[in-house]
Protein backbone atom coordinates (compact mmCIF):
# COMPACT_ATOMS: atom_id res chain seq x y z
CA MET A 1 -0.24 0.09 -0.04
CA THR A 2 1.09 3.34 -0.59
CA ALA A 3 1.51 6.03 1.90
CA PHE A 4 -0.73 8.51 1.00
CA ALA A 5 -0.85 12.12 2.48
CA THR A 6 -4.32 14.36 3.35
CA ARG A 7 -5.04 17.94 3.22
CA ALA A 8 -8.10 19.84 3.81
CA LEU A 9 -10.02 21.43 0.81
CA SER A 10 -9.54 25.09 0.98
CA PRO A 11 -8.71 27.69 -1.38
CA ALA A 12 -4.88 26.63 -1.33
CA THR A 13 -5.80 23.20 -2.45
CA TRP A 14 -8.66 23.97 -4.86
CA ASP A 15 -6.48 23.78 -7.95
CA ASP A 16 -5.53 20.14 -6.98
CA PHE A 17 -9.28 19.44 -6.11
CA ALA A 18 -10.43 20.98 -9.86
CA ARG A 19 -7.62 19.15 -11.54
CA LEU A 20 -8.82 16.02 -10.36
CA VAL A 21 -12.43 16.67 -10.82
CA GLU A 22 -11.73 17.87 -14.54
CA ARG A 23 -9.79 14.71 -15.61
CA HIS A 24 -12.98 12.97 -14.67
CA ASN A 25 -15.34 15.16 -16.53
CA GLY A 26 -16.78 16.73 -13.63
CA VAL A 27 -17.48 13.50 -11.76
CA TRP A 28 -20.56 11.67 -12.10
CA GLY A 29 -21.86 13.73 -14.80
CA GLY A 30 -20.53 17.06 -13.50
CA CYS A 31 -21.67 17.24 -9.94
CA TRP A 32 -18.53 18.73 -8.84
CA CYS A 33 -19.54 17.25 -5.30
CA MET A 34 -22.22 19.82 -4.98
CA GLY A 35 -25.45 17.54 -4.70
CA PHE A 36 -25.39 16.93 -0.91
CA HIS A 37 -25.28 20.75 -0.55
CA PRO A 38 -28.70 22.72 0.26
CA ASP A 39 -28.71 24.25 -3.07
CA GLY A 40 -27.89 20.97 -5.02
CA PHE A 41 -26.79 20.86 -8.65
CA GLY A 42 -26.64 23.67 -10.93
CA GLU A 43 -28.27 24.28 -14.41
CA SER A 44 -24.82 23.27 -15.66
CA VAL A 45 -21.37 21.52 -14.90
CA GLU A 46 -19.73 25.29 -14.96
CA GLU A 47 -22.43 26.46 -12.78
CA ASN A 48 -21.62 23.47 -10.29
CA LYS A 49 -17.74 24.36 -10.40
CA THR A 50 -18.65 27.97 -9.62
CA ASN A 51 -20.91 27.22 -6.90
CA LYS A 52 -18.45 24.93 -5.34
CA LEU A 53 -15.52 27.24 -5.26
CA ALA A 54 -17.81 29.71 -3.80
CA ARG A 55 -18.58 27.26 -1.03
CA VAL A 56 -14.96 26.65 -0.51
CA ARG A 57 -13.85 30.17 -0.37
CA ALA A 58 -16.62 30.89 1.93
CA ASP A 59 -15.66 27.72 4.29
CA GLU A 60 -18.99 26.15 3.75
CA ALA A 61 -17.63 23.17 1.87
CA HIS A 62 -15.46 20.39 3.51
CA ALA A 63 -13.12 17.48 2.12
CA ALA A 64 -10.28 15.45 3.01
CA LEU A 65 -8.05 15.39 0.08
CA VAL A 66 -5.96 12.50 -0.54
CA TYR A 67 -2.35 12.82 -2.39
CA ASP A 68 -0.13 10.60 -3.86
CA GLY A 69 3.19 13.06 -3.97
CA SER A 70 1.96 16.08 -5.33
CA ASP A 71 -1.25 14.65 -7.06
CA CYS A 72 -4.71 14.82 -5.70
CA VAL A 73 -6.02 11.28 -6.07
CA GLY A 74 -9.30 11.25 -4.12
CA TRP A 75 -11.35 12.97 -1.17
CA CYS A 76 -13.98 12.39 1.27
CA GLN A 77 -16.45 15.14 1.54
CA PHE A 78 -17.89 16.02 5.17
CA GLY A 79 -19.50 18.73 6.72
CA PRO A 80 -21.73 20.12 9.44
CA THR A 81 -25.52 18.78 8.71
CA ALA A 82 -26.75 22.20 7.85
CA GLU A 83 -23.94 22.19 5.26
CA LEU A 84 -24.98 18.90 3.77
CA THR A 85 -28.61 18.59 3.95
CA ARG A 86 -29.42 16.73 0.94
CA ILE A 87 -28.49 12.77 1.54
CA LYS A 88 -29.55 9.61 -0.40
CA ARG A 89 -32.13 7.47 0.98
CA GLN A 90 -34.15 10.22 2.77
CA ARG A 91 -37.47 8.01 3.23
CA ALA A 92 -35.50 5.38 4.95
CA TYR A 93 -33.35 7.66 6.94
CA LYS A 94 -36.46 9.67 8.11
CA GLN A 95 -38.44 6.44 9.24
CA LEU A 96 -37.16 6.11 12.69
CA PRO A 97 -35.85 9.13 14.74
CA VAL A 98 -32.15 9.32 15.33
CA GLU A 99 -30.08 11.81 16.93
CA PRO A 100 -29.06 14.71 14.85
CA PRO A 101 -25.43 14.21 13.85
CA ASP A 102 -22.75 17.21 14.21
CA TRP A 103 -21.28 16.06 10.97
CA ARG A 104 -22.03 14.12 7.93
CA ILE A 105 -19.74 12.13 5.41
CA THR A 106 -21.37 12.04 2.13
CA CYS A 107 -19.32 11.29 -0.61
CA PHE A 108 -15.73 9.81 -1.55
CA PHE A 109 -14.06 9.78 -4.86
CA VAL A 110 -10.94 7.95 -5.98
CA ASP A 111 -8.99 8.76 -9.24
CA LYS A 112 -9.63 5.55 -11.83
CA GLY A 113 -6.03 4.99 -11.71
CA HIS A 114 -5.85 4.54 -7.84
CA ARG A 115 -8.67 2.68 -7.00
CA GLY A 116 -8.30 -0.35 -4.61
CA GLN A 117 -5.09 0.93 -3.17
CA GLY A 118 -6.50 2.39 0.23
CA VAL A 119 -7.38 6.18 -1.12
CA ALA A 120 -10.76 5.72 0.30
CA SER A 121 -9.57 4.79 3.59
CA ALA A 122 -6.87 7.60 3.72
CA ALA A 123 -9.51 10.06 2.95
CA LEU A 124 -11.86 8.86 5.64
CA GLY A 125 -8.83 9.11 8.14
CA GLY A 126 -8.25 12.67 6.95
CA ALA A 127 -11.99 13.67 7.29
CA LEU A 128 -11.89 12.26 10.79
CA ARG A 129 -8.58 14.31 11.95
CA GLU A 130 -10.37 17.35 10.17
CA ILE A 131 -13.57 16.67 12.08
CA ALA A 132 -11.59 16.46 15.72
CA ARG A 133 -9.71 19.63 14.67
CA LEU A 134 -12.84 21.27 14.11
CA GLY A 135 -14.38 20.17 17.32
CA GLY A 136 -15.53 16.78 17.03
CA GLY A 137 -18.75 15.53 17.93
CA LEU A 138 -21.22 12.66 16.37
CA VAL A 139 -20.42 11.80 12.87
CA GLU A 140 -22.82 9.79 10.54
CA SER A 141 -22.49 8.12 7.25
CA TYR A 142 -24.27 6.13 4.83
CA PRO A 143 -22.04 3.51 3.22
CA GLU A 144 -22.81 0.43 1.35
CA ASN A 145 -22.62 -3.42 2.79
CA VAL A 146 -20.64 -5.36 -0.10
CA GLU A 147 -20.31 -8.60 1.56
CA GLY A 148 -21.15 -11.64 -0.51
CA ARG A 149 -21.65 -9.62 -3.83
CA LYS A 150 -19.68 -7.97 -6.43
CA THR A 151 -20.09 -4.28 -6.61
CA ALA A 152 -17.86 -1.83 -8.81
CA GLY A 153 -15.80 0.55 -6.96
CA ALA A 154 -16.71 3.42 -9.11
CA PHE A 155 -20.19 3.26 -7.96
CA LEU A 156 -19.27 2.91 -4.17
CA HIS A 157 -19.86 6.77 -4.05
CA ASN A 158 -20.05 6.22 0.01
CA ALA A 159 -17.60 3.42 0.34
CA THR A 160 -18.17 0.34 2.18
CA VAL A 161 -19.29 -0.82 5.58
CA SER A 162 -16.38 -2.73 6.41
CA MET A 163 -13.98 0.37 5.93
CA PHE A 164 -16.18 2.60 8.20
CA GLU A 165 -16.11 -0.29 10.77
CA ARG A 166 -12.26 -0.65 10.44
CA HIS A 167 -12.24 3.15 11.44
CA GLY A 168 -14.22 2.69 14.34
CA PHE A 169 -17.87 3.42 13.26
CA ALA A 170 -21.06 1.30 14.40
CA ARG A 171 -24.08 0.11 12.59
CA VAL A 172 -27.20 1.96 13.71
CA ARG A 173 -29.69 0.64 11.10
CA PRO A 174 -30.29 -0.45 7.89
CA LEU A 175 -31.26 2.28 5.10
CA GLY A 176 -32.65 -0.03 2.36
CA LYS A 177 -31.35 -2.87 0.86
CA HIS A 178 -27.47 -2.68 1.12
CA HIS A 179 -27.01 0.71 2.91
CA TRP A 180 -26.42 1.28 6.62
CA LEU A 181 -26.44 4.37 8.88
CA MET A 182 -23.40 4.50 10.51
CA THR A 183 -21.93 6.48 13.62
CA MET A 184 -19.28 7.44 15.63
CA THR A 185 -18.44 10.03 17.88
CA VAL A 186 -15.01 11.86 17.30
CA PRO A 187 -13.41 13.53 20.31
CA ALA A 188 -12.18 17.10 19.43
CA VAL A 189 -8.25 17.81 19.71
CA SER A 190 -6.68 21.19 20.46
């Protein structure tokens, strides 16, 4: 396994993030990782890019970027609940009351040339360190259980249950056929 470094998405790392997104045609049809923000997708790929940059400049978009040397090769998007209001499987999520989280982890992306090398795990570790630095609290995510079935890594936008368990998350309840609501409390660091 390669030893990857992580850095927070910020105006200083925006160009690295943008190069990776552009190399992959805007990622998932040009979303620029905007789908989970309150405003959601714009009318065009360029609008999504502009809106994401505005959020980064306003400190309203968080991600742990993963680096292989000087190249950004993946990320994990996270943020306070108010920053990431739009989640998948809303109906199943709302069926049973849960304690509102302080933070959500909503998506991962890994460069196609780096899949299967631990980039997503490095991204999750980086996100948890950033959450701790930013005050910690209850973190939730919605990964997929892939045990006993084949799943293409390109479609695991929220990673796997087993990876989250390795990082200390616990299953709370299923969200549909293969996804789980998982949580952990991250202590703040000074």
